[in-house]
C-alpha atoms as a PDB file:
ATOM      1  CA  MET A   1     -11.044 -34.380  -3.901  1.00  0.00           C
ATOM      2  CA  ASN A   2      -8.714 -37.089  -2.667  1.00  0.00           C
ATOM      3  CA  THR A   3      -9.908 -40.721  -2.726  1.00  0.00           C
ATOM      4  CA  ARG A   4      -8.818 -41.274   0.887  1.00  0.00           C
ATOM      5  CA  LYS A   5     -10.920 -38.298   1.983  1.00  0.00           C
ATOM      6  CA  ILE A   6     -13.983 -39.610   0.134  1.00  0.00           C
ATOM      7  CA  ILE A   7     -13.569 -43.060   1.711  1.00  0.00           C
ATOM      8  CA  GLY A   8     -13.235 -41.417   5.137  1.00  0.00           C
ATOM      9  CA  TYR A   9     -16.459 -39.454   4.643  1.00  0.00           C
ATOM     10  CA  VAL A  10     -18.257 -42.615   3.508  1.00  0.00           C
ATOM     11  CA  LEU A  11     -17.053 -44.415   6.654  1.00  0.00           C
ATOM     12  CA  TRP A  12     -18.334 -41.557   8.810  1.00  0.00           C
ATOM     13  CA  LEU A  13     -21.690 -41.713   7.055  1.00  0.00           C
ATOM     14  CA  LEU A  14     -21.814 -45.453   7.602  1.00  0.00           C
ATOM     15  CA  ALA A  15     -20.906 -44.983  11.275  1.00  0.00           C
ATOM     16  CA  PHE A  16     -23.796 -42.586  11.774  1.00  0.00           C
ATOM     17  CA  LEU A  17     -26.211 -44.861   9.931  1.00  0.00           C
ATOM     18  CA  ILE A  18     -25.669 -47.545  12.570  1.00  0.00           C
ATOM     19  CA  PRO A  19     -28.540 -47.228  14.996  1.00  0.00           C
ATOM     20  CA  PHE A  20     -27.355 -45.509  18.166  1.00  0.00           C
ATOM     21  CA  GLN A  21     -30.072 -47.213  20.197  1.00  0.00           C
ATOM     22  CA  PRO A  22     -28.180 -50.505  20.654  1.00  0.00           C
ATOM     23  CA  ALA A  23     -24.776 -48.829  20.477  1.00  0.00           C
ATOM     24  CA  ILE A  24     -24.763 -46.273  23.274  1.00  0.00           C
ATOM     25  CA  LEU A  25     -28.110 -44.709  24.158  1.00  0.00           C
ATOM     26  CA  SER A  26     -30.264 -47.421  25.644  1.00  0.00           C
ATOM     27  CA  THR A  27     -29.726 -50.993  26.724  1.00  0.00           C
ATOM     28  CA  ASP A  28     -33.347 -51.874  27.447  1.00  0.00           C
ATOM     29  CA  GLY A  29     -34.253 -55.018  25.520  1.00  0.00           C
ATOM     30  CA  ILE A  30     -30.857 -55.117  23.812  1.00  0.00           C
ATOM     31  CA  HIS A  31     -28.484 -57.983  24.406  1.00  0.00           C
ATOM     32  CA  ASN A  32     -25.064 -57.033  25.709  1.00  0.00           C
ATOM     33  CA  VAL A  33     -23.312 -58.607  22.726  1.00  0.00           C
ATOM     34  CA  THR A  34     -25.401 -56.613  20.224  1.00  0.00           C
ATOM     35  CA  GLY A  35     -24.690 -53.358  22.024  1.00  0.00           C
ATOM     36  CA  LEU A  36     -20.990 -54.118  22.324  1.00  0.00           C
ATOM     37  CA  ILE A  37     -20.629 -55.038  18.650  1.00  0.00           C
ATOM     38  CA  SER A  38     -22.551 -51.933  17.552  1.00  0.00           C
ATOM     39  CA  PHE A  39     -20.422 -49.705  19.756  1.00  0.00           C
ATOM     40  CA  ILE A  40     -17.131 -51.232  18.577  1.00  0.00           C
ATOM     41  CA  VAL A  41     -18.157 -50.939  14.909  1.00  0.00           C
ATOM     42  CA  LEU A  42     -19.162 -47.321  15.523  1.00  0.00           C
ATOM     43  CA  LEU A  43     -15.781 -46.508  17.069  1.00  0.00           C
ATOM     44  CA  VAL A  44     -13.786 -48.346  14.396  1.00  0.00           C
ATOM     45  CA  LEU A  45     -15.621 -46.574  11.584  1.00  0.00           C
ATOM     46  CA  LEU A  46     -15.256 -43.154  13.221  1.00  0.00           C
ATOM     47  CA  PHE A  47     -11.550 -43.479  13.919  1.00  0.00           C
ATOM     48  CA  THR A  48     -10.760 -45.079  10.555  1.00  0.00           C
ATOM     49  CA  GLY A  49     -12.653 -42.287   8.807  1.00  0.00           C
ATOM     50  CA  TYR A  50     -10.780 -39.695  10.849  1.00  0.00           C
ATOM     51  CA  PHE A  51      -7.448 -41.332  10.015  1.00  0.00           C
ATOM     52  CA  LEU A  52      -8.238 -41.287   6.288  1.00  0.00           C
ATOM     53  CA  VAL A  53      -9.580 -37.716   6.189  1.00  0.00           C
ATOM     54  CA  ASP A  54      -6.799 -36.327   8.378  1.00  0.00           C
ATOM     55  CA  GLY A  55      -4.159 -38.167   6.344  1.00  0.00           C
ATOM     56  CA  ALA A  56      -5.577 -36.772   3.127  1.00  0.00           C
ATOM     57  CA  ASN A  57      -5.569 -33.243   4.594  1.00  0.00           C
ATOM     58  CA  ALA A  58      -1.960 -33.592   5.765  1.00  0.00           C
ATOM     59  CA  ALA A  59      -0.873 -34.884   2.358  1.00  0.00           C
ATOM     60  CA  GLY A  60      -2.664 -31.989   0.675  1.00  0.00           C
ATOM     61  CA  LYS A  61      -0.962 -29.436   2.927  1.00  0.00           C
ATOM     62  CA  ALA A  62       2.446 -31.035   2.342  1.00  0.00           C
ATOM     63  CA  ASP A  63       1.929 -30.846  -1.427  1.00  0.00           C
ATOM     64  CA  ALA A  64       0.884 -27.194  -1.169  1.00  0.00           C
ATOM     65  CA  HIS A  65       3.987 -26.255   0.824  1.00  0.00           C
ATOM     66  CA  HIS A  66       6.271 -28.299  -1.393  1.00  0.00           C
ATOM     67  CA  GLY A  67       5.423 -26.092  -4.368  1.00  0.00           C
ATOM     68  CA  HIS A  68       6.769 -22.916  -2.745  1.00  0.00           C
END
């Protein structure tokens, strides 16, 4: 398995370990700054993980077609 893909999966895991309560589900008793920071971190981790996993998949497909 590619290192970029593993890092992407770890980032996704980290993104889902962030509590969703302050990020997007409920704002009762949560300060706006806490919710905003949680949401931004969640988005950054998700998109960075996607970029890494998708890039690793594209590189793998290019290597597979290059051998033909």
